């Protein structure tokens, strides 16, 4: 891709020297951010917006081209191995939290609060792990627990 021609097509050819001096090429162009454009000297908000929209369009066309190429290669017999069958499982996500835990933490000693929350975590983990729920505790966020179960 010719970046100078691209800038010309946008009516922003005045930024071509800055782009060239900063070694921006076709592969790095889609990675530019608004901050990068300011560093390049694109002071006008309108010009930055125009460039960012054009860069987003480049990203989208690049993604579409990659998907199209992948599909066309896969369509040619013998060029791509068959994909393995995907395993499908139902996933349940549950977040269990202690209502009023902040107020409770304000009233209890930190060690007592840790014991209360620890007992709560153990109780919920035992409940989630029972045969009927067939789950496991995935993680803790403060006093809350995340549960994942597959079936």
Protein backbone atom coordinates (compact mmCIF):
# COMPACT_ATOMS: atom_id res chain seq x y z
CA UNK A 1 0.00 0.00 0.00
CA UNK A 2 1.24 3.45 -0.91
CA UNK A 3 0.73 5.60 2.20
CA UNK A 4 1.38 8.83 0.28
CA UNK A 5 -1.42 7.97 -2.16
CA UNK A 6 -3.67 6.98 0.73
CA UNK A 7 -3.09 10.33 2.46
CA UNK A 8 -3.70 12.11 -0.85
CA UNK A 9 -7.00 10.27 -1.27
CA UNK A 10 -8.02 11.58 2.16
CA UNK A 11 -6.92 15.13 1.29
CA UNK A 12 -4.31 14.98 4.06
CA UNK A 13 -1.14 14.80 2.00
CA UNK A 14 0.54 17.44 4.19
CA UNK A 15 1.22 14.70 6.78
CA UNK A 16 3.14 12.50 4.33
CA UNK A 17 6.60 13.87 5.29
CA UNK A 18 5.94 13.26 9.01
CA UNK A 19 4.73 9.73 8.29
CA UNK A 20 7.80 9.00 6.16
CA UNK A 21 10.22 10.55 8.71
CA UNK A 22 8.73 8.38 11.46
CA UNK A 23 9.10 5.17 9.41
CA UNK A 24 5.38 4.43 9.37
CA UNK A 25 4.65 1.76 6.81
CA UNK A 26 1.57 -0.13 5.69
CA UNK A 27 1.93 -2.77 8.42
CA UNK A 28 2.26 -0.21 11.24
CA UNK A 29 -0.41 2.17 9.99
CA UNK A 30 -3.36 0.18 11.46
CA UNK A 31 -1.71 0.35 14.89
CA UNK A 32 -1.65 4.14 15.10
CA UNK A 33 -3.60 5.78 17.91
CA UNK A 34 -4.84 9.32 18.47
CA UNK A 35 -1.77 9.98 20.64
CA UNK A 36 0.48 8.78 17.82
CA UNK A 37 -1.20 11.17 15.42
CA UNK A 38 -0.64 14.08 17.81
CA UNK A 39 3.04 13.08 18.03
CA UNK A 40 3.15 13.13 14.23
CA UNK A 41 1.93 16.72 14.28
CA UNK A 42 -1.72 16.17 13.40
CA UNK A 43 -3.00 19.07 15.52
CA UNK A 44 -6.45 19.42 13.94
CA UNK A 45 -9.07 17.33 15.71
CA UNK A 46 -10.97 17.01 12.44
CA UNK A 47 -7.91 15.65 10.67
CA UNK A 48 -7.22 13.21 13.53
CA UNK A 49 -10.82 11.97 13.41
CA UNK A 50 -10.64 11.58 9.64
CA UNK A 51 -7.37 9.66 9.89
CA UNK A 52 -8.63 7.44 12.72
CA UNK A 53 -11.79 6.61 10.75
CA UNK A 54 -9.69 5.77 7.68
CA UNK A 55 -7.34 3.63 9.83
CA UNK A 56 -10.36 1.78 11.27
CA UNK A 57 -11.55 1.14 7.70
CA UNK A 58 -8.09 -0.26 6.87
CA UNK A 59 -8.27 -2.57 9.88
CA UNK A 60 -11.73 -3.77 8.87
CA UNK A 61 -10.72 -4.42 5.27
CA UNK A 62 -7.56 -6.17 6.45
CA UNK A 63 -9.59 -8.43 8.77
CA UNK A 64 -12.10 -9.16 6.00
CA UNK A 65 -9.29 -9.99 3.56
CA UNK A 66 -7.68 -12.35 6.07
CA UNK A 67 -10.99 -14.12 6.65
CA UNK A 68 -11.65 -14.34 2.91
CA UNK A 69 -8.18 -15.75 2.26
CA UNK A 70 -8.62 -18.34 5.00
CA UNK A 71 -11.95 -19.42 3.56
CA UNK A 72 -10.62 -19.65 0.00
CA UNK A 73 -7.59 -21.71 1.05
CA UNK A 74 -9.81 -24.04 3.06
CA UNK A 75 -12.13 -24.46 0.06
CA UNK A 76 -9.33 -25.87 -2.11
CA UNK A 77 -9.19 -29.65 -1.62
CA UNK A 78 -6.03 -30.90 0.04
CA UNK A 79 -4.74 -27.48 1.13
CA UNK A 80 -5.96 -27.41 4.71
CA UNK A 81 -6.47 -30.24 7.16
CA UNK A 82 -10.07 -30.78 8.25
CA UNK A 83 -10.99 -29.06 11.46
CA UNK A 84 -11.60 -31.35 14.42
CA UNK A 85 -15.13 -31.58 15.70
CA UNK A 86 -15.71 -29.00 18.39
CA UNK A 87 -16.88 -30.15 21.76
CA UNK A 88 -19.95 -28.28 22.89
CA UNK A 89 -20.77 -27.87 26.52
CA UNK A 90 -23.24 -25.75 28.35
CA UNK A 91 -21.53 -23.28 30.62
CA UNK A 92 -23.15 -21.70 33.63
CA UNK A 93 -21.55 -18.73 35.30
CA UNK A 94 -22.73 -17.56 38.69
CA UNK A 95 -21.43 -14.79 40.89
CA UNK A 96 -22.23 -15.17 44.57
CA UNK A 97 -21.62 -12.21 46.84
CA UNK A 98 -22.23 -11.20 50.43
CA UNK A 99 -24.78 -8.42 50.65
CA UNK A 100 -23.63 -5.73 53.04
CA UNK A 101 -20.07 -7.04 53.28
CA UNK A 102 -18.64 -3.51 53.33
CA UNK A 103 -20.78 -2.51 56.30
CA UNK A 104 -19.97 -5.80 58.00
CA UNK A 105 -16.25 -5.23 57.48
CA UNK A 106 -16.60 -1.85 59.15
CA UNK A 107 -18.11 -3.43 62.27
CA UNK A 108 -15.84 -6.46 62.60
CA UNK A 109 -12.19 -6.82 63.43
CA UNK A 110 -10.20 -7.66 60.24
CA UNK A 111 -9.27 -11.12 61.55
CA UNK A 112 -12.90 -11.88 62.44
CA UNK A 113 -14.01 -10.67 59.02
CA UNK A 114 -11.45 -12.95 57.37
CA UNK A 115 -12.84 -15.92 59.35
CA UNK A 116 -16.43 -15.06 58.41
CA UNK A 117 -15.59 -14.67 54.74
CA UNK A 118 -13.47 -17.85 54.81
CA UNK A 119 -16.39 -19.83 56.28
CA UNK A 120 -18.67 -18.31 53.66
CA UNK A 121 -16.24 -19.24 50.84
CA UNK A 122 -16.01 -22.82 52.11
CA UNK A 123 -19.80 -23.13 52.37
CA UNK A 124 -20.39 -21.82 48.86
CA UNK A 125 -17.58 -23.98 47.41
CA UNK A 126 -19.08 -27.07 49.06
CA UNK A 127 -22.54 -26.23 47.69
CA UNK A 128 -21.23 -25.56 44.19
CA UNK A 129 -19.16 -28.74 44.19
CA UNK A 130 -22.07 -31.03 45.06
CA UNK A 131 -23.09 -33.60 42.48
CA UNK A 132 -26.24 -31.76 41.40
CA UNK A 133 -24.42 -28.53 40.56
CA UNK A 134 -21.26 -30.25 39.26
CA UNK A 135 -19.32 -27.03 39.43
CA UNK A 136 -16.13 -25.64 40.70
CA UNK A 137 -15.15 -22.32 42.17
CA UNK A 138 -13.23 -20.44 39.54
CA UNK A 139 -12.06 -17.51 41.58
CA UNK A 140 -12.68 -15.06 44.35
CA UNK A 141 -13.32 -11.35 44.09
CA UNK A 142 -13.29 -9.92 47.60
CA UNK A 143 -16.04 -11.64 49.52
CA UNK A 144 -17.64 -12.89 46.28
CA UNK A 145 -17.13 -16.16 44.45
CA UNK A 146 -17.36 -16.99 40.76
CA UNK A 147 -18.77 -20.38 39.81
CA UNK A 148 -18.35 -22.20 36.55
CA UNK A 149 -20.18 -25.41 35.82
CA UNK A 150 -20.19 -27.48 32.68
CA UNK A 151 -22.60 -30.19 31.72
